[in-house]
Amino acid sequence: MFEIRIHGRGGQGVVTGAEILSMAAFRDGKYAQAFPSFGSERMGAPVMAFCRIDDKEIRLREPVMQPDALIIQDPTLLHQVELFAGLKPTGYVLINSTQSLEHLGIGEFLSALPEGHVWTVPATDIAMKHVGRPLPNAALIGGFAAMTGQLTLASVQAAIREKFSGSISELNMAAAAEAYAYIESHLKVKAA
C-alpha cells in the first residue's frame, strides 16, 4: 500500500487534491481512498488530507501516520507543523516552492532520503499561469505522478476532467501537465 499525506491551508484545494489522487488511481486500475482531517475549518488554517493507493481492497480508515509520500502545498507550514512525522526512510517529499531545499532550511534534514525523492515545484506559479488563481493542487498532483510513478499523467488528467467542468478542467489539466514535465525534466537531468 502507498500512503500519501497532503499538508496545506484551508482554501488551497488540499481535500480536492486527495480526491483527484484517488480518482486517478481508480483510473489506473488500483484501489484508493481519500479523506480529509480538519482542525479549525476556516480559510488559511492548516489542513491535512490523506490518500491510500493499493492493488487490493483497502480496509484501513485511520489517518496516515507513516506516509510513503508528503505533498506540501504551503511552504509556510515547513517550520510550524510536524510535517515530516512518520515519513518512511524511502519516502517522497514534494514541496510547492520556487526556492531550493537549502533556502527553505530543510535540505540537510531531508538529505537522508533517496536521491530523486525530494523536489520543489513552483506549483502556485504554474497554477497562476494556467488557472489564474493560486490553487496549486492540480500542479502538485501532476508533479507527484512524475516523481513517484504511482499514477500516469493520463489518469491524473482524466480525474481532473471528471472533477471539474469546462475550461476549469482544461486549465487544471494544463497545470498538471506542466508540473509533470517540470519534475520529469529534473529527474532526467539527475540521471544523466
C-alpha atoms as a PDB file:
ATOM      1  CA  MET A   1       0.000   0.000   0.000  1.00  0.00           C
ATOM      2  CA  PHE A   2       1.213   3.509  -0.854  1.00  0.00           C
ATOM      3  CA  GLU A   3       0.089   6.194   1.599  1.00  0.00           C
ATOM      4  CA  ILE A   4       0.109   9.934   0.953  1.00  0.00           C
ATOM      5  CA  ARG A   5      -0.381  12.840   3.332  1.00  0.00           C
ATOM      6  CA  ILE A   6      -1.097  16.292   1.942  1.00  0.00           C
ATOM      7  CA  HIS A   7      -0.476  19.411   4.033  1.00  0.00           C
ATOM      8  CA  GLY A   8      -1.743  22.846   3.168  1.00  0.00           C
ATOM      9  CA  ARG A   9      -4.079  25.595   4.265  1.00  0.00           C
ATOM     10  CA  GLY A  10      -7.826  25.898   4.007  1.00  0.00           C
ATOM     11  CA  GLY A  11      -8.791  27.200   0.593  1.00  0.00           C
ATOM     12  CA  GLN A  12      -5.773  25.742  -1.270  1.00  0.00           C
ATOM     13  CA  GLY A  13      -7.570  22.649  -2.520  1.00  0.00           C
ATOM     14  CA  VAL A  14      -5.928  20.127  -0.183  1.00  0.00           C
ATOM     15  CA  VAL A  15      -9.037  17.928   0.064  1.00  0.00           C
ATOM     16  CA  THR A  16      -9.708  18.206  -3.663  1.00  0.00           C
ATOM     17  CA  GLY A  17      -6.102  17.184  -4.337  1.00  0.00           C
ATOM     18  CA  ALA A  18      -6.551  13.990  -2.318  1.00  0.00           C
ATOM     19  CA  GLU A  19      -9.782  13.251  -4.185  1.00  0.00           C
ATOM     20  CA  ILE A  20      -8.065  13.727  -7.549  1.00  0.00           C
ATOM     21  CA  LEU A  21      -5.251  11.389  -6.439  1.00  0.00           C
ATOM     22  CA  SER A  22      -7.747   8.661  -5.552  1.00  0.00           C
ATOM     23  CA  MET A  23      -9.779   9.165  -8.752  1.00  0.00           C
ATOM     24  CA  ALA A  24      -6.588   8.915 -10.836  1.00  0.00           C
ATOM     25  CA  ALA A  25      -5.585   5.719  -9.032  1.00  0.00           C
ATOM     26  CA  PHE A  26      -9.001   4.191  -9.813  1.00  0.00           C
ATOM     27  CA  ARG A  27      -8.478   5.110 -13.475  1.00  0.00           C
ATOM     28  CA  ASP A  28      -5.129   3.283 -13.349  1.00  0.00           C
ATOM     29  CA  GLY A  29      -6.942   0.156 -12.127  1.00  0.00           C
ATOM     30  CA  LYS A  30      -5.986   0.482  -8.465  1.00  0.00           C
ATOM     31  CA  TYR A  31      -7.951   0.735  -5.251  1.00  0.00           C
ATOM     32  CA  ALA A  32      -7.827   4.065  -3.482  1.00  0.00           C
ATOM     33  CA  GLN A  33      -9.369   6.133  -0.732  1.00  0.00           C
ATOM     34  CA  ALA A  34      -9.151   9.803   0.127  1.00  0.00           C
ATOM     35  CA  PHE A  35     -10.334  11.669   3.203  1.00  0.00           C
ATOM     36  CA  PRO A  36      -9.627  14.962   4.998  1.00  0.00           C
ATOM     37  CA  SER A  37      -8.611  15.877   8.523  1.00  0.00           C
ATOM     38  CA  PHE A  38      -9.661  19.306   9.703  1.00  0.00           C
ATOM     39  CA  GLY A  39      -8.658  21.290  12.760  1.00  0.00           C
ATOM     40  CA  SER A  40     -10.432  24.584  12.699  1.00  0.00           C
ATOM     41  CA  GLU A  41     -12.340  24.730   9.431  1.00  0.00           C
ATOM     42  CA  ARG A  42     -11.516  28.215   8.240  1.00  0.00           C
ATOM     43  CA  MET A  43      -9.708  29.750   5.310  1.00  0.00           C
ATOM     44  CA  GLY A  44      -5.959  29.755   5.901  1.00  0.00           C
ATOM     45  CA  ALA A  45      -5.967  27.259   8.773  1.00  0.00           C
ATOM     46  CA  PRO A  46      -3.672  24.204   8.468  1.00  0.00           C
ATOM     47  CA  VAL A  47      -5.449  21.304   6.769  1.00  0.00           C
ATOM     48  CA  MET A  48      -4.413  17.715   6.079  1.00  0.00           C
ATOM     49  CA  ALA A  49      -5.840  15.195   3.675  1.00  0.00           C
ATOM     50  CA  PHE A  50      -4.891  11.592   3.126  1.00  0.00           C
ATOM     51  CA  CYS A  51      -4.873   9.163   0.228  1.00  0.00           C
ATOM     52  CA  ARG A  52      -4.107   5.475   0.049  1.00  0.00           C
ATOM     53  CA  ILE A  53      -3.390   3.561  -3.157  1.00  0.00           C
ATOM     54  CA  ASP A  54      -3.124  -0.207  -3.416  1.00  0.00           C
ATOM     55  CA  ASP A  55      -3.559  -3.124  -5.801  1.00  0.00           C
ATOM     56  CA  LYS A  56      -6.044  -4.730  -3.419  1.00  0.00           C
ATOM     57  CA  GLU A  57      -9.015  -3.525  -1.422  1.00  0.00           C
ATOM     58  CA  ILE A  58      -8.179  -1.040   1.332  1.00  0.00           C
ATOM     59  CA  ARG A  59      -9.819  -1.656   4.697  1.00  0.00           C
ATOM     60  CA  LEU A  60      -7.927   0.881   6.830  1.00  0.00           C
ATOM     61  CA  ARG A  61      -9.828   4.029   7.770  1.00  0.00           C
ATOM     62  CA  GLU A  62      -7.491   5.839  10.156  1.00  0.00           C
ATOM     63  CA  PRO A  63      -5.286   8.836   9.290  1.00  0.00           C
ATOM     64  CA  VAL A  64      -1.975   8.187   7.535  1.00  0.00           C
ATOM     65  CA  MET A  65       0.651   8.199  10.271  1.00  0.00           C
ATOM     66  CA  GLN A  66       3.586   6.732   8.304  1.00  0.00           C
ATOM     67  CA  PRO A  67       3.328   8.170   4.809  1.00  0.00           C
ATOM     68  CA  ASP A  68       5.221   6.965   1.776  1.00  0.00           C
ATOM     69  CA  ALA A  69       4.853  10.473   0.355  1.00  0.00           C
ATOM     70  CA  LEU A  70       4.210  14.002   1.551  1.00  0.00           C
ATOM     71  CA  ILE A  71       2.790  16.733  -0.630  1.00  0.00           C
ATOM     72  CA  ILE A  72       3.277  20.147   0.961  1.00  0.00           C
ATOM     73  CA  GLN A  73       1.074  22.754  -0.673  1.00  0.00           C
ATOM     74  CA  ASP A  74       2.156  25.647   1.535  1.00  0.00           C
ATOM     75  CA  PRO A  75       5.851  26.036   2.428  1.00  0.00           C
ATOM     76  CA  THR A  76       4.978  28.388   5.321  1.00  0.00           C
ATOM     77  CA  LEU A  77       3.989  25.225   7.190  1.00  0.00           C
ATOM     78  CA  LEU A  78       7.502  23.750   6.992  1.00  0.00           C
ATOM     79  CA  HIS A  79       8.598  25.029  10.382  1.00  0.00           C
ATOM     80  CA  GLN A  80       5.194  25.300  12.083  1.00  0.00           C
ATOM     81  CA  VAL A  81       3.755  21.814  11.980  1.00  0.00           C
ATOM     82  CA  GLU A  82       5.214  18.323  12.367  1.00  0.00           C
ATOM     83  CA  LEU A  83       5.020  17.764   8.620  1.00  0.00           C
ATOM     84  CA  PHE A  84       7.655  15.078   8.388  1.00  0.00           C
ATOM     85  CA  ALA A  85       6.451  12.968  11.338  1.00  0.00           C
ATOM     86  CA  GLY A  86       6.357   9.300  10.431  1.00  0.00           C
ATOM     87  CA  LEU A  87       7.756   9.728   6.898  1.00  0.00           C
ATOM     88  CA  LYS A  88       9.225   6.414   5.794  1.00  0.00           C
ATOM     89  CA  PRO A  89      13.017   6.324   5.189  1.00  0.00           C
ATOM     90  CA  THR A  90      12.359   5.689   1.482  1.00  0.00           C
ATOM     91  CA  GLY A  91       9.609   8.316   1.319  1.00  0.00           C
ATOM     92  CA  TYR A  92       8.956  11.063  -1.195  1.00  0.00           C
ATOM     93  CA  VAL A  93       8.509  14.768  -0.471  1.00  0.00           C
ATOM     94  CA  LEU A  94       7.072  17.268  -2.943  1.00  0.00           C
ATOM     95  CA  ILE A  95       7.012  20.916  -1.856  1.00  0.00           C
ATOM     96  CA  ASN A  96       5.242  23.797  -3.563  1.00  0.00           C
ATOM     97  CA  SER A  97       8.051  26.336  -3.711  1.00  0.00           C
ATOM     98  CA  THR A  98      10.311  28.259  -6.060  1.00  0.00           C
ATOM     99  CA  GLN A  99      13.138  28.050  -3.505  1.00  0.00           C
ATOM    100  CA  SER A 100      15.755  25.360  -3.001  1.00  0.00           C
ATOM    101  CA  LEU A 101      15.600  22.936  -0.091  1.00  0.00           C
ATOM    102  CA  GLU A 102      18.633  24.655   1.438  1.00  0.00           C
ATOM    103  CA  HIS A 103      16.974  28.065   1.232  1.00  0.00           C
ATOM    104  CA  LEU A 104      13.855  26.579   2.844  1.00  0.00           C
ATOM    105  CA  GLY A 105      16.090  25.337   5.699  1.00  0.00           C
ATOM    106  CA  ILE A 106      15.336  21.634   5.235  1.00  0.00           C
ATOM    107  CA  GLY A 107      17.997  20.420   2.812  1.00  0.00           C
ATOM    108  CA  GLU A 108      20.164  18.723   5.412  1.00  0.00           C
ATOM    109  CA  PHE A 109      17.137  17.263   7.194  1.00  0.00           C
ATOM    110  CA  LEU A 110      15.827  15.618   4.007  1.00  0.00           C
ATOM    111  CA  SER A 111      19.251  14.558   2.688  1.00  0.00           C
ATOM    112  CA  ALA A 112      18.822  11.067   4.160  1.00  0.00           C
ATOM    113  CA  LEU A 113      16.007  10.278   1.709  1.00  0.00           C
ATOM    114  CA  PRO A 114      16.954   8.512  -1.533  1.00  0.00           C
ATOM    115  CA  GLU A 115      18.118  10.669  -4.435  1.00  0.00           C
ATOM    116  CA  GLY A 116      15.219  11.862  -6.574  1.00  0.00           C
ATOM    117  CA  HIS A 117      12.723  11.505  -3.732  1.00  0.00           C
ATOM    118  CA  VAL A 118      12.618  15.185  -2.712  1.00  0.00           C
ATOM    119  CA  TRP A 119      11.604  18.006  -5.047  1.00  0.00           C
ATOM    120  CA  THR A 120      10.295  21.507  -5.058  1.00  0.00           C
ATOM    121  CA  VAL A 121       7.966  22.579  -7.856  1.00  0.00           C
ATOM    122  CA  PRO A 122       6.619  26.115  -8.437  1.00  0.00           C
ATOM    123  CA  ALA A 123       3.029  24.845  -8.313  1.00  0.00           C
ATOM    124  CA  THR A 124       1.466  28.176  -7.328  1.00  0.00           C
ATOM    125  CA  ASP A 125       3.253  29.930 -10.197  1.00  0.00           C
ATOM    126  CA  ILE A 126       2.106  27.189 -12.580  1.00  0.00           C
ATOM    127  CA  ALA A 127      -1.469  27.488 -11.276  1.00  0.00           C
ATOM    128  CA  MET A 128      -1.437  31.265 -11.682  1.00  0.00           C
ATOM    129  CA  LYS A 129      -0.182  30.883 -15.254  1.00  0.00           C
ATOM    130  CA  HIS A 130      -2.834  28.338 -16.261  1.00  0.00           C
ATOM    131  CA  VAL A 131      -5.766  28.754 -13.857  1.00  0.00           C
ATOM    132  CA  GLY A 132      -5.323  32.383 -12.852  1.00  0.00           C
ATOM    133  CA  ARG A 133      -5.707  31.541  -9.161  1.00  0.00           C
ATOM    134  CA  PRO A 134      -3.212  30.381  -6.503  1.00  0.00           C
ATOM    135  CA  LEU A 135      -4.591  26.821  -6.305  1.00  0.00           C
ATOM    136  CA  PRO A 136      -1.552  24.522  -6.559  1.00  0.00           C
ATOM    137  CA  ASN A 137      -3.303  21.164  -6.108  1.00  0.00           C
ATOM    138  CA  ALA A 138      -3.589  20.042  -9.769  1.00  0.00           C
ATOM    139  CA  ALA A 139       0.016  21.020 -10.494  1.00  0.00           C
ATOM    140  CA  LEU A 140       1.228  19.160  -7.403  1.00  0.00           C
ATOM    141  CA  ILE A 141      -0.704  16.021  -8.372  1.00  0.00           C
ATOM    142  CA  GLY A 142       0.969  16.150 -11.795  1.00  0.00           C
ATOM    143  CA  GLY A 143       4.370  16.552 -10.121  1.00  0.00           C
ATOM    144  CA  PHE A 144       3.583  13.701  -7.729  1.00  0.00           C
ATOM    145  CA  ALA A 145       2.767  11.396 -10.641  1.00  0.00           C
ATOM    146  CA  ALA A 146       6.105  12.156 -12.335  1.00  0.00           C
ATOM    147  CA  MET A 147       8.119  11.868  -9.120  1.00  0.00           C
ATOM    148  CA  THR A 148       6.689   8.590  -7.786  1.00  0.00           C
ATOM    149  CA  GLY A 149       5.397   6.739 -10.842  1.00  0.00           C
ATOM    150  CA  GLN A 150       2.322   5.780  -8.802  1.00  0.00           C
ATOM    151  CA  LEU A 151      -0.028   7.373 -11.361  1.00  0.00           C
ATOM    152  CA  THR A 152       0.064   8.147 -15.049  1.00  0.00           C
ATOM    153  CA  LEU A 153      -0.351  11.688 -16.302  1.00  0.00           C
ATOM    154  CA  ALA A 154      -3.268  10.468 -18.423  1.00  0.00           C
ATOM    155  CA  SER A 155      -5.103   9.197 -15.320  1.00  0.00           C
ATOM    156  CA  VAL A 156      -4.411  12.459 -13.459  1.00  0.00           C
ATOM    157  CA  GLN A 157      -5.789  14.494 -16.342  1.00  0.00           C
ATOM    158  CA  ALA A 158      -8.834  12.221 -16.668  1.00  0.00           C
ATOM    159  CA  ALA A 159      -9.521  12.606 -12.932  1.00  0.00           C
ATOM    160  CA  ILE A 160      -9.251  16.387 -13.241  1.00  0.00           C
ATOM    161  CA  ARG A 161     -11.660  16.297 -16.192  1.00  0.00           C
ATOM    162  CA  GLU A 162     -14.064  14.241 -14.071  1.00  0.00           C
ATOM    163  CA  LYS A 163     -13.761  16.548 -11.029  1.00  0.00           C
ATOM    164  CA  PHE A 164     -14.058  19.890 -12.837  1.00  0.00           C
ATOM    165  CA  SER A 165     -16.040  21.008 -15.832  1.00  0.00           C
ATOM    166  CA  GLY A 166     -15.463  23.129 -18.913  1.00  0.00           C
ATOM    167  CA  SER A 167     -12.462  25.392 -19.188  1.00  0.00           C
ATOM    168  CA  ILE A 168     -11.566  24.919 -15.490  1.00  0.00           C
ATOM    169  CA  SER A 169     -10.773  21.265 -16.151  1.00  0.00           C
ATOM    170  CA  GLU A 170      -8.704  22.127 -19.241  1.00  0.00           C
ATOM    171  CA  LEU A 171      -6.728  24.788 -17.348  1.00  0.00           C
ATOM    172  CA  ASN A 172      -6.046  22.450 -14.403  1.00  0.00           C
ATOM    173  CA  MET A 173      -5.057  19.648 -16.785  1.00  0.00           C
ATOM    174  CA  ALA A 174      -2.519  22.014 -18.368  1.00  0.00           C
ATOM    175  CA  ALA A 175      -1.150  22.898 -14.912  1.00  0.00           C
ATOM    176  CA  ALA A 176      -0.796  19.195 -14.039  1.00  0.00           C
ATOM    177  CA  ALA A 177       0.976  18.512 -17.358  1.00  0.00           C
ATOM    178  CA  GLU A 178       3.429  21.378 -16.859  1.00  0.00           C
ATOM    179  CA  ALA A 179       4.350  20.243 -13.332  1.00  0.00           C
ATOM    180  CA  TYR A 180       4.675  16.655 -14.569  1.00  0.00           C
ATOM    181  CA  ALA A 181       7.073  17.822 -17.308  1.00  0.00           C
ATOM    182  CA  TYR A 182       8.954  20.000 -14.800  1.00  0.00           C
ATOM    183  CA  ILE A 183       9.675  17.063 -12.464  1.00  0.00           C
ATOM    184  CA  GLU A 184      10.302  14.659 -15.327  1.00  0.00           C
ATOM    185  CA  SER A 185      12.911  17.001 -16.848  1.00  0.00           C
ATOM    186  CA  HIS A 186      14.656  17.382 -13.491  1.00  0.00           C
ATOM    187  CA  LEU A 187      14.688  13.605 -12.992  1.00  0.00           C
ATOM    188  CA  LYS A 188      16.319  13.156 -16.409  1.00  0.00           C
ATOM    189  CA  VAL A 189      18.978  15.752 -15.562  1.00  0.00           C
ATOM    190  CA  LYS A 190      19.759  13.934 -12.281  1.00  0.00           C
ATOM    191  CA  ALA A 191      20.009  10.604 -14.103  1.00  0.00           C
ATOM    192  CA  ALA A 192      22.414  11.975 -16.733  1.00  0.00           C
END
